Protein backbone atom coordinates (compact mmCIF):
# COMPACT_ATOMS: atom_id res chain seq x y z
CA UNK A 1 160.12 118.59 62.10
CA UNK A 2 160.65 114.97 60.98
CA UNK A 3 161.92 114.15 64.45
CA UNK A 4 158.68 115.45 66.00
CA UNK A 5 156.59 113.47 63.51
CA UNK A 6 158.48 110.25 64.31
CA UNK A 7 158.03 110.77 68.06
CA UNK A 8 154.31 111.44 67.68
CA UNK A 9 153.82 108.44 65.42
CA UNK A 10 155.76 106.27 67.83
CA UNK A 11 153.72 107.47 70.82
CA UNK A 12 150.46 107.08 68.91
CA UNK A 13 151.40 103.57 67.84
CA UNK A 14 152.34 102.68 71.42
CA UNK A 15 149.06 104.17 72.67
CA UNK A 16 147.05 102.20 70.11
CA UNK A 17 148.90 99.00 70.98
CA UNK A 18 148.23 99.54 74.69
CA UNK A 19 144.56 100.25 73.95
CA UNK A 20 144.30 97.10 71.81
CA UNK A 21 145.83 95.03 74.60
CA UNK A 22 143.43 96.58 77.13
CA UNK A 23 140.30 96.31 74.98
CA UNK A 24 140.74 92.67 74.14
CA UNK A 25 141.63 91.41 77.58
CA UNK A 26 139.26 88.83 78.99
CA UNK A 27 138.17 91.12 81.82
CA UNK A 28 136.96 93.86 79.49
CA UNK A 29 135.00 91.42 77.36
CA UNK A 30 133.50 89.87 80.51
CA UNK A 31 132.55 93.34 81.69
CA UNK A 32 130.86 94.12 78.37
CA UNK A 33 128.87 90.88 78.53
CA UNK A 34 127.92 91.67 82.12
CA UNK A 35 126.64 95.10 81.12
CA UNK A 36 124.48 93.65 78.34
CA UNK A 37 123.05 90.98 80.63
CA UNK A 38 122.59 93.54 83.40
CA UNK A 39 120.61 95.79 81.08
CA UNK A 40 118.28 92.93 80.15
CA UNK A 41 118.02 91.94 83.81
CA UNK A 42 117.12 95.52 84.68
CA UNK A 43 114.17 95.41 82.27
CA UNK A 44 112.86 92.26 83.94
CA UNK A 45 113.28 93.68 87.45
CA UNK A 46 111.68 96.99 86.46
CA UNK A 47 108.66 95.12 85.14
CA UNK A 48 108.52 93.00 88.30
CA UNK A 49 108.62 96.11 90.48
CA UNK A 50 106.21 98.25 88.46
CA UNK A 51 103.71 95.60 87.39
CA UNK A 52 103.60 93.26 90.36
CA UNK A 53 105.20 94.47 93.58
CA UNK A 54 104.25 98.14 93.43
CA UNK A 55 100.71 97.19 92.41
CA UNK A 56 100.46 94.86 95.43
CA UNK A 57 101.76 97.60 97.73
CA UNK A 58 99.44 100.13 96.14
CA UNK A 59 96.50 97.77 96.58
CA UNK A 60 97.39 97.21 100.26
CA UNK A 61 97.64 100.94 100.98
CA UNK A 62 94.82 102.07 98.70
CA UNK A 63 96.90 104.04 96.20
CA UNK A 64 96.84 102.44 92.74
CA UNK A 65 99.50 104.75 91.27
CA UNK A 66 102.45 105.90 93.36
CA UNK A 67 103.57 108.41 90.75
CA UNK A 68 100.61 110.61 91.71
CA UNK A 69 101.79 110.96 95.33
CA UNK A 70 103.14 114.51 95.48
CA UNK A 71 104.06 116.63 98.48
CA UNK A 72 104.43 120.17 97.21
CA UNK A 73 106.91 120.09 94.33
CA UNK A 74 108.32 116.72 95.47
CA UNK A 75 107.17 113.61 93.60
CA UNK A 76 107.53 111.25 96.54
CA UNK A 77 105.79 108.42 94.69
CA UNK A 78 108.50 108.28 92.04
CA UNK A 79 111.11 108.22 94.80
CA UNK A 80 109.35 105.33 96.58
CA UNK A 81 109.25 103.40 93.31
CA UNK A 82 112.97 104.03 92.74
CA UNK A 83 113.85 102.84 96.25
CA UNK A 84 111.81 99.66 95.94
CA UNK A 85 113.30 99.07 92.49
CA UNK A 86 116.84 99.48 93.86
CA UNK A 87 116.20 97.14 96.81
CA UNK A 88 114.75 94.44 94.59
CA UNK A 89 117.61 94.71 92.09
CA UNK A 90 120.16 94.56 94.92
CA UNK A 91 118.41 91.53 96.44
CA UNK A 92 118.17 89.81 93.05
CA UNK A 93 121.87 90.35 92.32
CA UNK A 94 122.78 89.10 95.81
CA UNK A 95 120.69 85.94 95.41
CA UNK A 96 122.03 85.32 91.89
CA UNK A 97 125.62 85.68 93.10
CA UNK A 98 124.99 83.38 96.05
CA UNK A 99 123.54 80.80 93.66
CA UNK A 100 126.41 81.09 91.18
CA UNK A 101 129.09 81.04 93.89
CA UNK A 102 127.61 77.81 95.26
CA UNK A 103 128.27 76.08 91.95
CA UNK A 104 131.70 77.62 91.32
CA UNK A 105 134.65 75.40 92.18
CA UNK A 106 136.44 76.52 95.30
CA UNK A 107 139.95 77.82 94.84
CA UNK A 108 142.62 75.90 96.64
CA UNK A 109 144.17 77.61 99.59
CA UNK A 110 147.42 79.32 98.71
CA UNK A 111 150.38 77.39 99.99
CA UNK A 112 151.88 79.01 103.04
CA UNK A 113 155.59 79.74 102.81
CA UNK A 114 157.70 77.26 104.74
CA UNK A 115 160.63 79.58 105.25
CA UNK A 116 160.58 82.60 107.49
CA UNK A 117 162.57 85.72 106.73
CA UNK A 118 165.70 86.21 108.79
CA UNK A 119 166.19 89.29 110.85
């Protein structure tokens, strides 16, 4: 029984150590920051889509509220809004990445090996 307890404690300690190493890596923290910023960015883009772009499209086509466009049980207006929202978010992320990548320092080319393997 003591042997089983020692093995479990050892495995649990190893698991916790591995989790600690994983959780505090730079990549995980960067990912967490990206998610928080992405959530805030989503709120801005949603407002842009709903309050400006969709209103301009609705004005051009004569429908002030796309959510009221329904074909049978299908709420096509909500779907149109979701598609436009997705396209604008994708375009915004693409433009932001292009802008950021322009200012990032370029990585040096990896040195090519001077020796060739023998056959």
